[in-house]
């Protein structure tokens, strides 16, 4: 073949590759490999390109690391998510209940009244002893609480006196109002049904209500104690104090015992809180629940003072309330304190179970 014929053949192959038309008659199969050097390619017969077993790289190689370990099974992952959501809902409801309770004007008014009691007691003791006389002479025989005769010597005793004054009536009344309104108040306002639509359920809502009432018990007790400590420090001297047993302890030990007494007083109100919560599940009227709780409280305290009922009195929840005074002995008498805390736990279990049984089966209409 001459150079001219080779040039013509090369031009034909180039045109076929660029236009997709083979050198022979008829359309070709499109772009394909150069077959000009073969006999069939020269005849214009389309050829199937050879299959390559080595893929042509189209980009940079993708780095491959160690295989990713398999995650936990799907049921375990779902259960973990359910538990996380459950705790989130529970704490969300508790936070909402705490904010709602402590933002109410009624709650703030109750705390204000409780804070005013130590102020009045401190001013009364200061006026009574302004002429140099001693309050509660003769060991207190009917002149007031056991600690009141020591207030003029040490203002820290005003904390114990204020708690002894408020515990029989003021503190339980405030707890009865808050506990009685916990469920019945929501039903009366028409918001209980909307609370139950939350995925937390009735049991968690009831537990959140009880935790809120117990938080108010602690807050109310601390308000009384802090108010009394402030007034006592302003009106009377502070320093080492003498216990009921006659021994002396320093101020730091006295403050620690005052805090412990406040915690015991708050725990002593557990029975009232459980009773009020149970009564609150029985009615849809908040006022009726509050009145019933306070009425039962007064009735039980009256029964606790009748001598003919001495066999039953150790089972009344207010019977060991004033046992916190044993913390001011050296050594501390724990018998009545343990009986008090055990009795409160028993009342919480009984009335808490009754409230749960009633609330979970209650037909909520509002």
Protein backbone atom coordinates (compact mmCIF):
# COMPACT_ATOMS: atom_id res chain seq x y z
CA UNK A 1 0.00 0.00 0.00
CA UNK A 2 1.32 3.42 -0.96
CA UNK A 3 1.53 6.43 1.36
CA UNK A 4 -1.43 8.08 -0.37
CA UNK A 5 -3.66 5.05 0.14
CA UNK A 6 -2.61 4.84 3.81
CA UNK A 7 -3.45 8.51 4.30
CA UNK A 8 -6.89 7.97 2.76
CA UNK A 9 -7.48 4.98 5.04
CA UNK A 10 -6.41 6.98 8.09
CA UNK A 11 -8.80 9.81 7.15
CA UNK A 12 -11.67 7.32 6.85
CA UNK A 13 -11.00 5.78 10.22
CA UNK A 14 -10.79 9.20 11.87
CA UNK A 15 -14.11 10.23 10.37
CA UNK A 16 -15.74 7.00 11.52
CA UNK A 17 -14.54 7.46 15.08
CA UNK A 18 -15.75 11.05 15.26
CA UNK A 19 -19.15 10.65 13.56
CA UNK A 20 -20.05 7.15 14.61
CA UNK A 21 -20.39 6.02 10.93
CA UNK A 22 -18.31 3.06 9.93
CA UNK A 23 -16.27 2.90 6.73
CA UNK A 24 -18.65 0.42 5.11
CA UNK A 25 -22.17 1.01 3.91
CA UNK A 26 -24.83 1.65 6.53
CA UNK A 27 -24.60 3.20 10.01
CA UNK A 28 -22.05 1.89 12.44
CA UNK A 29 -22.49 0.92 16.09
CA UNK A 30 -21.08 4.20 17.36
CA UNK A 31 -17.71 4.93 18.87
CA UNK A 32 -15.63 1.86 19.41
CA UNK A 33 -12.06 0.66 19.45
CA UNK A 34 -9.78 1.20 16.48
CA UNK A 35 -10.07 -1.88 14.21
CA UNK A 36 -8.31 -0.46 11.19
CA UNK A 37 -5.54 -2.92 11.58
CA UNK A 38 -7.82 -5.99 11.27
CA UNK A 39 -9.42 -7.54 8.25
CA UNK A 40 -12.97 -7.33 9.56
CA UNK A 41 -12.46 -3.69 10.51
CA UNK A 42 -11.34 -2.92 7.04
CA UNK A 43 -14.53 -4.49 5.72
CA UNK A 44 -16.66 -2.17 7.92
CA UNK A 45 -18.08 -4.95 10.12
CA UNK A 46 -18.66 -3.67 13.70
CA UNK A 47 -16.78 -5.58 16.31
CA UNK A 48 -17.62 -6.18 20.00
CA UNK A 49 -14.93 -4.59 22.13
CA UNK A 50 -12.98 -7.08 24.21
CA UNK A 51 -14.03 -7.46 27.83
CA UNK A 52 -11.37 -6.17 30.19
CA UNK A 53 -11.02 -7.97 33.53
CA UNK A 54 -9.14 -5.03 35.02
CA UNK A 55 -11.43 -2.01 35.65
CA UNK A 56 -10.10 1.30 34.51
CA UNK A 57 -9.67 3.68 37.47
CA UNK A 58 -11.86 6.76 37.16
CA UNK A 59 -10.42 8.73 40.05
CA UNK A 60 -8.09 8.57 43.02
CA UNK A 61 -8.33 5.32 44.97
CA UNK A 62 -10.68 5.41 47.93
CA UNK A 63 -8.84 4.62 51.17
CA UNK A 64 -10.31 1.70 53.00
CA UNK A 65 -9.94 1.34 56.75
CA UNK A 66 -10.81 -1.43 59.15
CA UNK A 67 -14.42 -2.62 59.02
CA UNK A 68 -16.85 -0.63 61.17
CA UNK A 69 -18.00 -2.71 64.15
CA UNK A 70 -21.67 -3.50 64.21
CA UNK A 71 -23.79 -1.37 66.56
CA UNK A 72 -26.01 -2.70 69.32
CA UNK A 73 -29.09 -4.61 68.34
CA UNK A 74 -32.08 -2.54 67.38
CA UNK A 75 -34.24 -3.57 70.40
CA UNK A 76 -31.51 -2.49 72.84
CA UNK A 77 -31.10 0.84 71.09
CA UNK A 78 -34.86 1.39 71.10
CA UNK A 79 -35.10 0.50 74.80
CA UNK A 80 -32.32 2.97 75.64
CA UNK A 81 -34.13 5.70 73.75
CA UNK A 82 -37.39 4.89 75.53
CA UNK A 83 -35.72 5.12 78.94
CA UNK A 84 -34.11 8.43 78.01
CA UNK A 85 -37.44 9.86 76.87
CA UNK A 86 -39.15 8.55 80.01
CA UNK A 87 -36.69 10.31 82.31
CA UNK A 88 -36.95 13.45 80.20
CA UNK A 89 -40.74 13.46 80.48
CA UNK A 90 -40.61 12.74 84.23
CA UNK A 91 -38.19 15.57 85.01
CA UNK A 92 -40.09 17.85 82.68
CA UNK A 93 -43.34 17.25 84.55
CA UNK A 94 -41.62 17.66 87.94
CA UNK A 95 -40.01 20.92 86.85
CA UNK A 96 -43.33 22.20 85.55
CA UNK A 97 -45.11 21.28 88.79
CA UNK A 98 -42.46 22.94 90.94
CA UNK A 99 -42.58 26.15 88.93
CA UNK A 100 -46.38 26.20 88.91
CA UNK A 101 -46.65 25.59 92.66
CA UNK A 102 -44.04 28.08 93.83
CA UNK A 103 -45.25 30.82 91.47
CA UNK A 104 -48.77 30.86 92.85
CA UNK A 105 -49.73 33.80 95.02
CA UNK A 106 -51.35 31.42 97.50
CA UNK A 107 -48.10 29.53 97.98
CA UNK A 108 -46.13 32.74 98.43
CA UNK A 109 -48.73 33.98 100.93
CA UNK A 110 -48.43 30.76 102.96
CA UNK A 111 -44.65 31.07 103.04
CA UNK A 112 -44.99 34.71 104.07
CA UNK A 113 -47.26 33.80 106.99
CA UNK A 114 -44.85 31.09 108.10
CA UNK A 115 -41.94 33.54 107.94
CA UNK A 116 -43.88 36.04 110.05
CA UNK A 117 -44.43 33.62 112.95
CA UNK A 118 -40.78 33.63 114.16
CA UNK A 119 -40.71 37.42 113.83
CA UNK A 120 -43.73 37.76 116.10
CA UNK A 121 -42.33 35.24 118.59
CA UNK A 122 -38.95 36.97 118.69
CA UNK A 123 -40.48 40.42 119.18
CA UNK A 124 -42.79 39.09 121.90
CA UNK A 125 -39.89 37.50 123.78
CA UNK A 126 -37.82 40.67 123.41
CA UNK A 127 -40.63 42.83 124.81
CA UNK A 128 -41.32 40.37 127.60
CA UNK A 129 -37.69 40.34 128.72
CA UNK A 130 -36.94 44.02 128.17
CA UNK A 131 -37.25 44.70 131.91
CA UNK A 132 -34.71 42.00 132.75
CA UNK A 133 -37.21 39.26 133.59
CA UNK A 134 -36.76 35.71 132.33
CA UNK A 135 -39.33 34.19 130.01
CA UNK A 136 -40.61 30.79 130.99
CA UNK A 137 -39.48 30.77 134.61
CA UNK A 138 -39.72 27.58 136.52
CA UNK A 139 -38.63 25.26 133.73
CA UNK A 140 -41.27 26.48 131.37
CA UNK A 141 -44.19 25.04 133.37
CA UNK A 142 -46.93 26.11 131.01
CA UNK A 143 -45.20 29.36 130.09
CA UNK A 144 -44.40 28.24 126.54
CA UNK A 145 -42.35 25.77 124.54
CA UNK A 146 -39.41 24.12 126.25
CA UNK A 147 -36.85 26.18 124.32
CA UNK A 148 -38.39 29.59 124.88
CA UNK A 149 -36.69 30.13 128.24
CA UNK A 150 -33.30 29.91 126.51
CA UNK A 151 -34.01 32.36 123.69
CA UNK A 152 -32.74 35.39 125.61
CA UNK A 153 -29.43 33.63 126.28
CA UNK A 154 -28.88 32.48 122.71
CA UNK A 155 -30.75 33.54 119.60
CA UNK A 156 -30.26 30.10 118.04
CA UNK A 157 -32.92 28.75 120.39
CA UNK A 158 -35.45 30.90 118.54
CA UNK A 159 -35.12 28.43 115.64
CA UNK A 160 -36.18 25.53 117.86
CA UNK A 161 -38.91 27.60 119.48
CA UNK A 162 -40.35 28.73 116.13
CA UNK A 163 -40.43 25.15 114.82
CA UNK A 164 -42.12 23.98 118.02
CA UNK A 165 -44.74 26.75 117.66
CA UNK A 166 -45.48 26.23 113.96
CA UNK A 167 -45.38 22.42 113.84
CA UNK A 168 -48.68 21.63 115.59
CA UNK A 169 -50.84 23.83 113.33
CA UNK A 170 -49.26 26.34 110.93
CA UNK A 171 -46.95 24.01 109.03
CA UNK A 172 -49.46 21.13 108.70
CA UNK A 173 -52.18 23.55 107.61
CA UNK A 174 -49.96 24.93 104.84
CA UNK A 175 -49.05 21.41 103.72
CA UNK A 176 -52.70 20.37 103.78
CA UNK A 177 -53.65 23.29 101.54
CA UNK A 178 -50.97 22.50 98.95
CA UNK A 179 -51.50 18.73 99.03
CA UNK A 180 -55.29 18.97 98.92
CA UNK A 181 -55.12 21.17 95.84
CA UNK A 182 -52.60 18.99 93.99
CA UNK A 183 -55.05 16.84 91.98
CA UNK A 184 -58.43 18.33 92.83
CA UNK A 185 -57.29 21.82 91.87
CA UNK A 186 -56.23 20.62 88.42
CA UNK A 187 -59.56 18.85 87.94
CA UNK A 188 -61.47 21.92 89.06
CA UNK A 189 -59.53 24.15 86.66
CA UNK A 190 -60.03 21.72 83.77
CA UNK A 191 -56.29 21.14 83.23
CA UNK A 192 -56.02 17.59 84.59
CA UNK A 193 -57.18 16.00 81.35
CA UNK A 194 -54.53 17.89 79.40
CA UNK A 195 -51.84 16.83 81.85
CA UNK A 196 -52.82 13.20 81.35
CA UNK A 197 -52.40 13.49 77.58
CA UNK A 198 -48.65 13.78 78.13
CA UNK A 199 -46.80 10.49 77.56
CA UNK A 200 -45.60 10.38 81.18
CA UNK A 201 -48.75 8.63 82.42
CA UNK A 202 -50.81 8.87 85.59
CA UNK A 203 -48.31 7.18 87.89
CA UNK A 204 -45.51 9.57 87.04
CA UNK A 205 -47.85 12.54 87.32
CA UNK A 206 -48.89 11.39 90.80
CA UNK A 207 -45.26 10.92 91.83
CA UNK A 208 -44.44 14.38 90.51
CA UNK A 209 -47.30 15.84 92.56
CA UNK A 210 -46.10 14.07 95.71
CA UNK A 211 -42.51 15.19 95.13
CA UNK A 212 -43.76 18.75 94.69
CA UNK A 213 -45.68 18.62 97.98
CA UNK A 214 -42.63 17.24 99.78
CA UNK A 215 -40.51 20.00 98.25
CA UNK A 216 -42.95 22.50 99.69
CA UNK A 217 -42.64 20.79 103.09
CA UNK A 218 -38.89 21.32 102.99
CA UNK A 219 -39.19 24.88 101.71
CA UNK A 220 -41.75 25.83 104.37
CA UNK A 221 -39.62 24.38 107.17
CA UNK A 222 -36.48 26.12 105.94
CA UNK A 223 -38.36 29.42 105.66
CA UNK A 224 -39.37 29.17 109.32
CA UNK A 225 -35.85 28.18 110.39
CA UNK A 226 -34.08 30.91 108.39
CA UNK A 227 -36.52 33.58 109.52
CA UNK A 228 -36.05 32.54 113.15
CA UNK A 229 -32.27 32.47 112.80
CA UNK A 230 -32.23 35.95 111.29
CA UNK A 231 -34.49 37.42 113.97
CA UNK A 232 -32.60 35.60 116.72
CA UNK A 233 -29.28 36.97 115.49
CA UNK A 234 -30.69 40.51 115.36
CA UNK A 235 -32.44 40.56 118.73
CA UNK A 236 -30.40 38.17 120.89
CA UNK A 237 -26.76 37.11 121.28
CA UNK A 238 -25.31 34.13 119.44
CA UNK A 239 -22.62 31.82 120.73
CA UNK A 240 -22.09 28.51 122.45
CA UNK A 241 -25.34 27.02 123.68
CA UNK A 242 -26.41 24.67 126.41
CA UNK A 243 -28.26 21.51 125.44
CA UNK A 244 -31.28 20.10 127.25
CA UNK A 245 -28.94 17.66 128.99
CA UNK A 246 -26.89 20.55 130.42
CA UNK A 247 -23.78 20.12 128.28
CA UNK A 248 -22.36 22.94 126.18
CA UNK A 249 -21.73 22.78 122.44
CA UNK A 250 -20.18 25.35 120.14
CA UNK A 251 -22.09 27.49 117.66
CA UNK A 252 -21.09 25.40 114.62
CA UNK A 253 -22.46 22.24 116.24
CA UNK A 254 -25.60 24.14 117.20
CA UNK A 255 -26.14 25.32 113.61
CA UNK A 256 -25.65 21.77 112.34
CA UNK A 257 -28.22 20.47 114.79
CA UNK A 258 -30.62 23.24 113.79
CA UNK A 259 -30.34 22.14 110.15
CA UNK A 260 -30.87 18.52 111.15
CA UNK A 261 -33.93 19.48 113.19
CA UNK A 262 -35.37 21.36 110.21
CA UNK A 263 -34.93 18.26 108.02
CA UNK A 264 -36.59 16.06 110.64
CA UNK A 265 -39.53 18.46 110.90
CA UNK A 266 -39.92 18.42 107.11
CA UNK A 267 -39.88 14.62 107.12
CA UNK A 268 -42.45 14.61 109.94
CA UNK A 269 -44.94 16.19 107.54
CA UNK A 270 -44.81 13.25 105.11
CA UNK A 271 -47.95 11.70 106.58
CA UNK A 272 -49.92 14.92 106.12
CA UNK A 273 -48.69 15.21 102.53
CA UNK A 274 -49.74 11.64 101.68
CA UNK A 275 -53.11 12.08 103.38
CA UNK A 276 -53.80 15.33 101.54
CA UNK A 277 -52.82 13.82 98.20
CA UNK A 278 -55.18 10.90 98.75
CA UNK A 279 -58.06 13.21 99.66
CA UNK A 280 -57.27 15.27 96.57
CA UNK A 281 -57.89 12.23 94.34
CA UNK A 282 -61.36 11.70 95.82
CA UNK A 283 -62.91 14.96 94.69
CA UNK A 284 -62.79 17.50 91.89
CA UNK A 285 -63.09 20.50 94.20
CA UNK A 286 -59.84 21.96 95.43
CA UNK A 287 -61.49 23.85 98.30
CA UNK A 288 -63.27 20.70 99.50
CA UNK A 289 -60.02 18.72 99.43
CA UNK A 290 -58.12 21.40 101.35
CA UNK A 291 -60.87 21.77 103.96
CA UNK A 292 -61.12 18.00 104.41
CA UNK A 293 -57.37 17.60 104.86
CA UNK A 294 -57.11 20.39 107.42
CA UNK A 295 -60.22 19.10 109.21
CA UNK A 296 -58.78 15.58 109.48
CA UNK A 297 -55.53 17.05 110.76
CA UNK A 298 -57.28 18.98 113.54
CA UNK A 299 -59.40 15.94 114.43
CA UNK A 300 -56.37 13.65 114.77
CA UNK A 301 -54.56 16.19 116.94
CA UNK A 302 -57.57 16.45 119.24
CA UNK A 303 -57.74 12.66 119.52
CA UNK A 304 -54.03 12.61 120.33
CA UNK A 305 -54.73 14.67 123.46
CA UNK A 306 -57.52 12.50 124.91
CA UNK A 307 -56.10 10.33 127.73
CA UNK A 308 -58.64 7.55 127.17
CA UNK A 309 -57.13 6.91 123.72
CA UNK A 310 -53.57 6.43 124.94
CA UNK A 311 -53.46 2.94 123.39
CA UNK A 312 -54.13 4.36 119.92
CA UNK A 313 -52.16 7.58 120.19
CA UNK A 314 -48.75 6.08 119.22
CA UNK A 315 -50.28 5.32 115.80
CA UNK A 316 -51.46 8.87 115.13
CA UNK A 317 -49.08 10.63 112.74
CA UNK A 318 -48.68 13.80 114.89
CA UNK A 319 -47.90 11.86 118.08
CA UNK A 320 -44.09 12.02 117.73
CA UNK A 321 -43.82 15.37 116.00
CA UNK A 322 -42.06 17.11 118.89
CA UNK A 323 -39.49 14.33 119.19
CA UNK A 324 -37.07 16.58 117.28
CA UNK A 325 -36.22 18.10 120.67
CA UNK A 326 -34.23 14.93 121.42
CA UNK A 327 -31.63 16.14 118.92
CA UNK A 328 -30.75 18.82 121.46
CA UNK A 329 -29.74 16.23 124.03
CA UNK A 330 -26.24 14.94 124.62
CA UNK A 331 -26.19 12.10 123.76
CA UNK A 332 -29.07 12.19 121.28
CA UNK A 333 -32.13 10.08 122.07
CA UNK A 334 -32.98 8.23 118.86
CA UNK A 335 -35.92 6.07 119.98
CA UNK A 336 -38.76 8.52 119.43
CA UNK A 337 -37.07 9.94 116.34
CA UNK A 338 -36.96 6.51 114.73
CA UNK A 339 -40.58 5.87 115.68
CA UNK A 340 -41.59 9.19 114.17
CA UNK A 341 -39.81 8.63 110.86
CA UNK A 342 -41.03 5.03 110.64
CA UNK A 343 -44.62 6.12 111.31
CA UNK A 344 -44.42 8.79 108.63
CA UNK A 345 -43.07 6.24 106.14
CA UNK A 346 -45.96 3.92 107.00
CA UNK A 347 -48.54 6.65 106.42
CA UNK A 348 -46.85 7.59 103.15
CA UNK A 349 -46.98 3.97 101.97
CA UNK A 350 -50.63 3.44 102.96
CA UNK A 351 -52.12 6.70 101.71
CA UNK A 352 -49.75 6.85 98.75
CA UNK A 353 -50.92 3.41 97.61
CA UNK A 354 -54.54 4.42 98.14
CA UNK A 355 -54.01 7.60 96.12
CA UNK A 356 -52.38 5.62 93.30
CA UNK A 357 -55.20 3.04 93.23
CA UNK A 358 -57.82 5.77 93.14
CA UNK A 359 -56.09 8.01 90.63
CA UNK A 360 -55.18 5.30 88.12
CA UNK A 361 -58.79 4.07 88.04
CA UNK A 362 -60.40 7.50 88.13
CA UNK A 363 -62.52 8.61 85.19
CA UNK A 364 -61.16 12.07 84.45
CA UNK A 365 -63.86 14.25 82.91
CA UNK A 366 -62.14 17.63 83.17
